[in-house]
């Protein structure tokens, strides 16, 4: 599947807007970023939570750099055949990475069906 960066980013924002309010309302000091590929150039990683989970924070205040949730465009396009499948995969990726923000690890996400 092919899609330019601007269209892909629009879909990411669309899917983010569709998530339940109680899931996104607690996201404090988090930015969402779309990048083409992970730093290693692989197509294996769909998203990344780059930050310190709420469950690991002892003190958090002003002046902290924001946590980042990165969504990788090219890996998503490599595994999806059409826009419907892409939207589903973006939804899963966003939920997965947001869950890391809340402190859920991959094993817990797997048990819940999100990994």
Protein backbone atom coordinates (compact mmCIF):
# COMPACT_ATOMS: atom_id res chain seq x y z
CA UNK A 1 0.00 0.00 0.00
CA UNK A 2 1.20 3.53 -0.73
CA UNK A 3 0.20 6.80 0.91
CA UNK A 4 1.92 10.16 1.23
CA UNK A 5 2.97 11.43 4.64
CA UNK A 6 0.28 14.15 4.90
CA UNK A 7 -2.58 11.73 4.18
CA UNK A 8 -1.17 9.18 6.62
CA UNK A 9 -0.85 11.81 9.35
CA UNK A 10 -4.47 12.83 8.76
CA UNK A 11 -5.54 9.21 9.29
CA UNK A 12 -3.53 9.02 12.51
CA UNK A 13 -5.22 12.17 13.84
CA UNK A 14 -8.59 10.77 12.74
CA UNK A 15 -8.02 7.52 14.62
CA UNK A 16 -6.73 9.38 17.67
CA UNK A 17 -9.93 11.46 17.69
CA UNK A 18 -11.99 8.24 17.62
CA UNK A 19 -10.43 6.85 20.80
CA UNK A 20 -12.56 7.00 23.98
CA UNK A 21 -12.22 10.22 25.96
CA UNK A 22 -11.32 8.38 29.15
CA UNK A 23 -8.32 6.87 27.34
CA UNK A 24 -6.89 10.15 26.04
CA UNK A 25 -7.98 12.61 28.74
CA UNK A 26 -5.27 11.37 31.11
CA UNK A 27 -2.46 11.87 28.60
CA UNK A 28 -0.45 14.63 30.20
CA UNK A 29 2.57 16.12 28.45
CA UNK A 30 2.49 13.61 25.57
CA UNK A 31 3.03 14.42 21.91
CA UNK A 32 2.12 12.22 18.96
CA UNK A 33 4.65 12.07 16.14
CA UNK A 34 4.54 10.41 12.74
CA UNK A 35 7.86 9.25 11.30
CA UNK A 36 8.60 7.24 8.17
CA UNK A 37 10.59 4.44 9.84
CA UNK A 38 12.33 3.58 13.11
CA UNK A 39 15.94 4.74 13.43
CA UNK A 40 17.25 1.31 12.46
CA UNK A 41 15.36 1.52 9.15
CA UNK A 42 13.38 -1.66 9.80
CA UNK A 43 9.75 -2.26 8.95
CA UNK A 44 9.17 -4.39 12.07
CA UNK A 45 8.04 -1.69 14.50
CA UNK A 46 4.68 0.03 14.03
CA UNK A 47 4.84 2.40 16.98
CA UNK A 48 6.89 3.40 20.00
CA UNK A 49 6.20 4.94 23.39
CA UNK A 50 9.21 7.05 24.34
CA UNK A 51 8.84 8.21 27.91
CA UNK A 52 8.36 7.22 31.51
CA UNK A 53 5.13 5.37 32.30
CA UNK A 54 2.83 6.86 34.92
CA UNK A 55 3.44 3.84 37.15
CA UNK A 56 7.19 4.57 37.19
CA UNK A 57 7.07 8.30 37.91
CA UNK A 58 7.99 9.45 41.37
CA UNK A 59 7.87 13.15 40.66
CA UNK A 60 6.65 14.91 37.57
CA UNK A 61 6.31 18.61 37.15
CA UNK A 62 6.86 21.63 35.02
CA UNK A 63 9.83 21.74 32.72
CA UNK A 64 9.69 18.05 31.81
CA UNK A 65 10.17 17.22 28.16
CA UNK A 66 7.04 15.62 26.76
CA UNK A 67 6.75 11.88 26.34
CA UNK A 68 6.38 10.84 22.71
CA UNK A 69 4.20 8.33 20.98
CA UNK A 70 5.67 7.66 17.56
CA UNK A 71 3.66 6.07 14.76
CA UNK A 72 5.74 4.75 11.86
CA UNK A 73 4.23 5.25 8.41
CA UNK A 74 6.18 2.84 6.18
CA UNK A 75 5.83 -0.23 8.45
CA UNK A 76 2.07 0.34 8.64
CA UNK A 77 1.81 0.65 4.88
CA UNK A 78 3.89 -2.52 4.44
CA UNK A 79 1.47 -4.66 6.48
CA UNK A 80 -1.85 -3.18 5.30
CA UNK A 81 -3.59 -3.79 2.01
CA UNK A 82 -6.24 -1.06 2.10
CA UNK A 83 -7.37 1.98 4.08
CA UNK A 84 -9.80 0.02 6.24
CA UNK A 85 -7.07 -2.36 7.35
CA UNK A 86 -4.74 0.61 7.88
CA UNK A 87 -7.27 2.36 10.12
CA UNK A 88 -7.68 -0.83 12.19
CA UNK A 89 -3.91 -1.20 12.55
CA UNK A 90 -3.48 2.48 13.48
CA UNK A 91 -6.19 2.10 16.13
CA UNK A 92 -4.42 -0.93 17.60
CA UNK A 93 -1.04 0.81 17.53
CA UNK A 94 -2.37 3.94 19.25
CA UNK A 95 -4.12 1.92 21.97
CA UNK A 96 -0.97 -0.18 22.44
CA UNK A 97 1.36 2.81 22.83
CA UNK A 98 -1.07 4.76 25.03
CA UNK A 99 -1.31 1.68 27.25
CA UNK A 100 2.47 1.83 27.72
CA UNK A 101 2.02 5.42 28.95
CA UNK A 102 -0.38 4.09 31.59
CA UNK A 103 2.11 1.41 32.62
CA UNK A 104 0.89 -1.72 30.85
CA UNK A 105 3.69 -3.89 29.50
CA UNK A 106 3.66 -6.08 26.38
CA UNK A 107 2.69 -9.22 28.33
CA UNK A 108 -0.35 -7.48 29.83
CA UNK A 109 -1.28 -6.08 26.41
CA UNK A 110 -0.97 -9.54 24.88
CA UNK A 111 -3.34 -10.92 27.53
CA UNK A 112 -5.81 -8.15 26.67
CA UNK A 113 -5.48 -8.80 22.93
CA UNK A 114 -3.66 -5.55 22.08
CA UNK A 115 -0.22 -6.98 21.28
